N, C-alpha and C. Protein backbone atom coordinates (compact mmCIF):
# COMPACT_ATOMS: atom_id res chain seq x y z
N MET A 1 163.73 170.49 149.92
CA MET A 1 164.98 170.82 150.58
C MET A 1 165.39 172.23 150.16
N LYS A 2 165.77 173.01 151.15
CA LYS A 2 166.23 174.37 150.90
C LYS A 2 167.73 174.34 150.65
N LEU A 3 168.18 175.06 149.62
CA LEU A 3 169.59 175.04 149.22
C LEU A 3 170.11 176.45 149.01
N LEU A 4 171.33 176.70 149.47
CA LEU A 4 172.05 177.93 149.15
C LEU A 4 172.99 177.59 148.00
N CYS A 5 172.82 178.27 146.87
CA CYS A 5 173.60 178.00 145.66
C CYS A 5 174.43 179.23 145.33
N LEU A 6 175.74 179.07 145.35
CA LEU A 6 176.67 180.16 145.09
C LEU A 6 177.42 179.87 143.80
N ASP A 7 177.34 180.79 142.85
CA ASP A 7 178.08 180.57 141.60
C ASP A 7 179.58 180.69 141.86
N ARG A 8 180.34 179.95 141.10
CA ARG A 8 181.80 179.96 141.22
C ARG A 8 182.38 180.11 139.82
N PRO A 9 183.01 181.27 139.53
CA PRO A 9 183.61 181.45 138.20
C PRO A 9 184.71 180.42 137.95
N LEU A 10 184.78 179.93 136.73
CA LEU A 10 185.79 178.97 136.33
C LEU A 10 186.91 179.69 135.57
N PRO A 11 188.07 179.05 135.39
CA PRO A 11 189.15 179.70 134.63
C PRO A 11 188.65 180.19 133.26
N GLY A 12 189.05 181.39 132.92
CA GLY A 12 188.62 181.99 131.66
C GLY A 12 187.35 182.83 131.79
N ALA A 13 186.71 182.77 132.95
CA ALA A 13 185.50 183.56 133.16
C ALA A 13 185.86 185.03 133.34
N SER A 14 185.10 185.88 132.70
CA SER A 14 185.24 187.33 132.85
C SER A 14 183.91 187.95 132.46
N LEU A 15 183.73 189.19 132.83
CA LEU A 15 182.48 189.87 132.44
C LEU A 15 182.33 189.91 130.92
N GLU A 16 183.45 190.05 130.22
CA GLU A 16 183.41 190.06 128.76
C GLU A 16 183.00 188.69 128.21
N ALA A 17 183.50 187.63 128.81
CA ALA A 17 183.13 186.27 128.37
C ALA A 17 181.67 185.97 128.69
N PHE A 18 181.14 186.56 129.75
CA PHE A 18 179.74 186.34 130.13
C PHE A 18 178.76 187.02 129.17
N GLN A 19 179.17 188.15 128.62
CA GLN A 19 178.27 189.04 127.87
C GLN A 19 177.36 188.34 126.86
N PRO A 20 177.86 187.46 125.99
CA PRO A 20 176.97 186.85 124.98
C PRO A 20 175.87 185.97 125.58
N TYR A 21 176.00 185.59 126.84
CA TYR A 21 175.05 184.65 127.45
C TYR A 21 174.07 185.30 128.41
N LEU A 22 174.24 186.59 128.69
CA LEU A 22 173.49 187.20 129.78
C LEU A 22 171.98 187.26 129.54
N LEU A 23 171.54 187.57 128.35
CA LEU A 23 170.10 187.63 128.09
C LEU A 23 169.48 186.24 128.26
N ASP A 24 170.11 185.22 127.70
CA ASP A 24 169.60 183.86 127.87
C ASP A 24 169.67 183.44 129.33
N GLU A 25 170.69 183.90 130.03
CA GLU A 25 170.85 183.60 131.46
C GLU A 25 169.67 184.13 132.25
N VAL A 26 169.30 185.38 131.99
CA VAL A 26 168.18 185.99 132.71
C VAL A 26 166.87 185.29 132.36
N ARG A 27 166.66 184.97 131.11
CA ARG A 27 165.44 184.25 130.72
C ARG A 27 165.36 182.88 131.39
N PHE A 28 166.48 182.17 131.41
CA PHE A 28 166.51 180.84 132.02
C PHE A 28 166.22 180.95 133.52
N ALA A 29 166.85 181.91 134.19
CA ALA A 29 166.63 182.11 135.62
C ALA A 29 165.18 182.48 135.91
N TRP A 30 164.58 183.30 135.04
CA TRP A 30 163.17 183.68 135.23
C TRP A 30 162.28 182.44 135.16
N ASN A 31 162.57 181.54 134.25
CA ASN A 31 161.79 180.30 134.15
C ASN A 31 162.00 179.42 135.38
N LEU A 32 163.21 179.40 135.92
CA LEU A 32 163.44 178.65 137.16
C LEU A 32 162.69 179.27 138.33
N TYR A 33 162.58 180.59 138.32
CA TYR A 33 161.81 181.27 139.36
C TYR A 33 160.33 180.92 139.23
N LYS A 34 159.81 180.97 138.02
CA LYS A 34 158.40 180.65 137.81
C LYS A 34 158.08 179.19 138.14
N SER A 35 159.07 178.32 137.98
CA SER A 35 158.86 176.89 138.28
C SER A 35 158.98 176.59 139.77
N ASP A 36 159.32 177.60 140.57
CA ASP A 36 159.45 177.50 142.02
C ASP A 36 160.76 176.83 142.45
N PHE A 37 161.71 176.67 141.54
CA PHE A 37 163.04 176.19 141.92
C PHE A 37 163.81 177.32 142.60
N ILE A 38 163.88 178.47 141.96
CA ILE A 38 164.52 179.65 142.58
C ILE A 38 163.48 180.32 143.46
N ARG A 39 163.80 180.43 144.74
CA ARG A 39 162.92 181.12 145.68
C ARG A 39 163.40 182.54 145.92
N GLU A 40 164.72 182.74 145.79
CA GLU A 40 165.30 184.05 146.03
C GLU A 40 166.61 184.12 145.25
N CYS A 41 166.88 185.27 144.65
CA CYS A 41 168.12 185.46 143.90
C CYS A 41 168.68 186.84 144.26
N ASN A 42 169.93 186.85 144.68
CA ASN A 42 170.57 188.10 145.10
C ASN A 42 171.92 188.25 144.43
N PHE A 43 172.30 189.50 144.15
CA PHE A 43 173.67 189.77 143.73
C PHE A 43 174.57 189.65 144.94
N ARG A 44 175.75 189.12 144.72
CA ARG A 44 176.74 189.07 145.78
C ARG A 44 177.37 190.44 145.92
N MET A 45 177.71 190.82 147.13
CA MET A 45 178.32 192.12 147.38
C MET A 45 179.84 192.01 147.51
N ASP A 46 180.38 190.79 147.64
CA ASP A 46 181.82 190.62 147.79
C ASP A 46 182.54 190.48 146.46
N ARG A 47 181.80 190.12 145.40
CA ARG A 47 182.36 189.97 144.06
C ARG A 47 181.20 189.83 143.09
N PRO A 48 181.44 189.97 141.79
CA PRO A 48 180.35 189.74 140.84
C PRO A 48 179.85 188.31 140.96
N GLY A 49 178.57 188.15 140.94
CA GLY A 49 177.98 186.82 141.02
C GLY A 49 176.64 186.85 141.73
N VAL A 50 176.08 185.65 141.91
CA VAL A 50 174.76 185.55 142.53
C VAL A 50 174.77 184.53 143.66
N ALA A 51 173.84 184.72 144.56
CA ALA A 51 173.51 183.75 145.61
C ALA A 51 172.04 183.43 145.43
N ILE A 52 171.74 182.17 145.24
CA ILE A 52 170.37 181.72 145.00
C ILE A 52 169.92 180.85 146.17
N ILE A 53 168.73 181.12 146.66
CA ILE A 53 168.06 180.19 147.56
C ILE A 53 167.12 179.39 146.67
N ALA A 54 167.32 178.08 146.66
CA ALA A 54 166.54 177.20 145.78
C ALA A 54 165.79 176.17 146.62
N GLU A 55 164.79 175.59 146.01
CA GLU A 55 164.03 174.50 146.62
C GLU A 55 164.08 173.33 145.65
N CYS A 56 164.56 172.18 146.14
CA CYS A 56 164.72 171.02 145.27
C CYS A 56 164.74 169.76 146.13
N ASP A 57 164.46 168.62 145.50
CA ASP A 57 164.43 167.35 146.23
C ASP A 57 165.80 166.89 146.70
N SER A 58 166.86 167.28 145.99
CA SER A 58 168.19 166.82 146.36
C SER A 58 169.26 167.78 145.82
N VAL A 59 170.44 167.70 146.38
CA VAL A 59 171.57 168.47 145.89
C VAL A 59 171.90 168.02 144.47
N GLU A 60 171.84 166.72 144.22
CA GLU A 60 172.16 166.19 142.89
C GLU A 60 171.21 166.74 141.83
N LYS A 61 169.92 166.78 142.13
CA LYS A 61 168.94 167.32 141.18
C LYS A 61 169.18 168.82 140.96
N ALA A 62 169.49 169.54 142.03
CA ALA A 62 169.77 170.97 141.90
C ALA A 62 171.00 171.19 141.03
N ARG A 63 172.03 170.36 141.22
CA ARG A 63 173.25 170.48 140.40
C ARG A 63 172.92 170.25 138.92
N GLU A 64 172.05 169.30 138.66
CA GLU A 64 171.62 169.02 137.28
C GLU A 64 170.90 170.24 136.68
N ILE A 65 169.99 170.82 137.43
CA ILE A 65 169.24 171.99 136.96
C ILE A 65 170.16 173.18 136.74
N LEU A 66 171.03 173.47 137.72
CA LEU A 66 171.94 174.61 137.61
C LEU A 66 172.96 174.40 136.50
N GLY A 67 173.26 173.16 136.18
CA GLY A 67 174.18 172.87 135.09
C GLY A 67 173.63 173.24 133.73
N GLU A 68 172.33 173.46 133.64
CA GLU A 68 171.69 173.85 132.38
C GLU A 68 171.66 175.36 132.18
N ILE A 69 172.04 176.11 133.20
CA ILE A 69 172.08 177.57 133.07
C ILE A 69 173.13 177.92 132.01
N PRO A 70 172.83 178.86 131.11
CA PRO A 70 173.73 179.15 129.99
C PRO A 70 175.19 179.38 130.36
N LEU A 71 175.48 180.12 131.42
CA LEU A 71 176.88 180.34 131.79
C LEU A 71 177.56 179.04 132.23
N ALA A 72 176.81 178.16 132.87
CA ALA A 72 177.36 176.86 133.27
C ALA A 72 177.58 175.98 132.04
N LYS A 73 176.62 175.98 131.13
CA LYS A 73 176.77 175.18 129.91
C LYS A 73 177.95 175.65 129.07
N ALA A 74 178.25 176.95 129.15
CA ALA A 74 179.37 177.51 128.40
C ALA A 74 180.71 177.26 129.11
N GLY A 75 180.67 176.65 130.29
CA GLY A 75 181.90 176.36 131.01
C GLY A 75 182.51 177.56 131.72
N LEU A 76 181.67 178.56 132.02
CA LEU A 76 182.18 179.77 132.66
C LEU A 76 181.96 179.80 134.16
N ILE A 77 180.95 179.06 134.64
CA ILE A 77 180.69 179.00 136.08
C ILE A 77 180.37 177.56 136.48
N ASP A 78 180.54 177.32 137.76
CA ASP A 78 180.05 176.11 138.40
C ASP A 78 179.34 176.56 139.67
N TRP A 79 178.88 175.64 140.47
CA TRP A 79 178.07 176.00 141.63
C TRP A 79 178.55 175.30 142.89
N ASP A 80 178.56 176.02 143.99
CA ASP A 80 178.66 175.44 145.32
C ASP A 80 177.23 175.36 145.83
N ILE A 81 176.79 174.18 146.20
CA ILE A 81 175.40 173.97 146.64
C ILE A 81 175.43 173.46 148.08
N ILE A 82 174.81 174.22 148.96
CA ILE A 82 174.85 173.93 150.38
C ILE A 82 173.42 173.67 150.87
N PRO A 83 173.13 172.44 151.33
CA PRO A 83 171.79 172.16 151.86
C PRO A 83 171.61 172.87 153.21
N LEU A 84 170.42 173.39 153.42
CA LEU A 84 170.10 174.13 154.65
C LEU A 84 168.95 173.44 155.37
N GLY A 85 168.92 173.59 156.67
CA GLY A 85 167.84 173.04 157.47
C GLY A 85 167.47 174.00 158.58
N PRO A 86 166.41 173.69 159.30
CA PRO A 86 165.96 174.58 160.36
C PRO A 86 166.98 174.65 161.50
N PHE A 87 167.07 175.79 162.10
CA PHE A 87 167.98 176.01 163.23
C PHE A 87 167.24 175.61 164.50
N VAL A 88 167.36 174.35 164.88
CA VAL A 88 166.59 173.83 166.01
C VAL A 88 167.24 174.13 167.36
N ASN A 89 168.42 174.72 167.36
CA ASN A 89 169.09 175.01 168.63
C ASN A 89 168.38 176.08 169.45
N TRP A 90 167.42 176.79 168.86
CA TRP A 90 166.66 177.76 169.64
C TRP A 90 166.02 177.08 170.86
N GLU A 91 165.67 175.82 170.68
CA GLU A 91 165.00 175.07 171.73
C GLU A 91 165.82 175.00 173.01
N MET A 92 167.13 175.03 172.87
CA MET A 92 168.00 174.98 174.05
C MET A 92 167.75 176.17 174.97
N LEU A 93 167.29 177.29 174.43
CA LEU A 93 167.01 178.47 175.25
C LEU A 93 165.86 178.23 176.23
N PHE A 94 165.00 177.26 175.89
CA PHE A 94 163.82 177.01 176.71
C PHE A 94 163.95 175.74 177.54
N ALA A 95 165.14 175.17 177.61
CA ALA A 95 165.37 173.95 178.38
C ALA A 95 165.16 174.25 179.86
N PRO A 96 164.68 173.26 180.63
CA PRO A 96 164.50 173.47 182.07
C PRO A 96 165.79 173.96 182.73
N GLY A 97 165.65 174.88 183.66
CA GLY A 97 166.81 175.41 184.38
C GLY A 97 167.48 176.58 183.69
N LYS A 98 167.02 176.99 182.49
CA LYS A 98 167.59 178.13 181.79
C LYS A 98 166.73 179.35 182.07
N ASP A 99 167.33 180.39 182.60
CA ASP A 99 166.57 181.62 182.89
C ASP A 99 166.97 182.72 181.99
């Protein structure tokens, strides 16, 4: 299952509060990438944070994995996890009678 995972800062989160965890955060994320959980990781342009495209069997399992990320374990972030699927509406363009 393809998932869009958006970090969500929790009360008390700040760049200063993140600082002690950042090296471990990057190492942990690299291991998730090597394990094929993280397929893509991008910085958000609207605010500090990341958008991750992940591959996992379920939203619940993804939440469990993301909960182990150092910033999440420290209570500084949580995650919005959105399951994604194929956009099958393209097929409507080829329906009989459509020119």
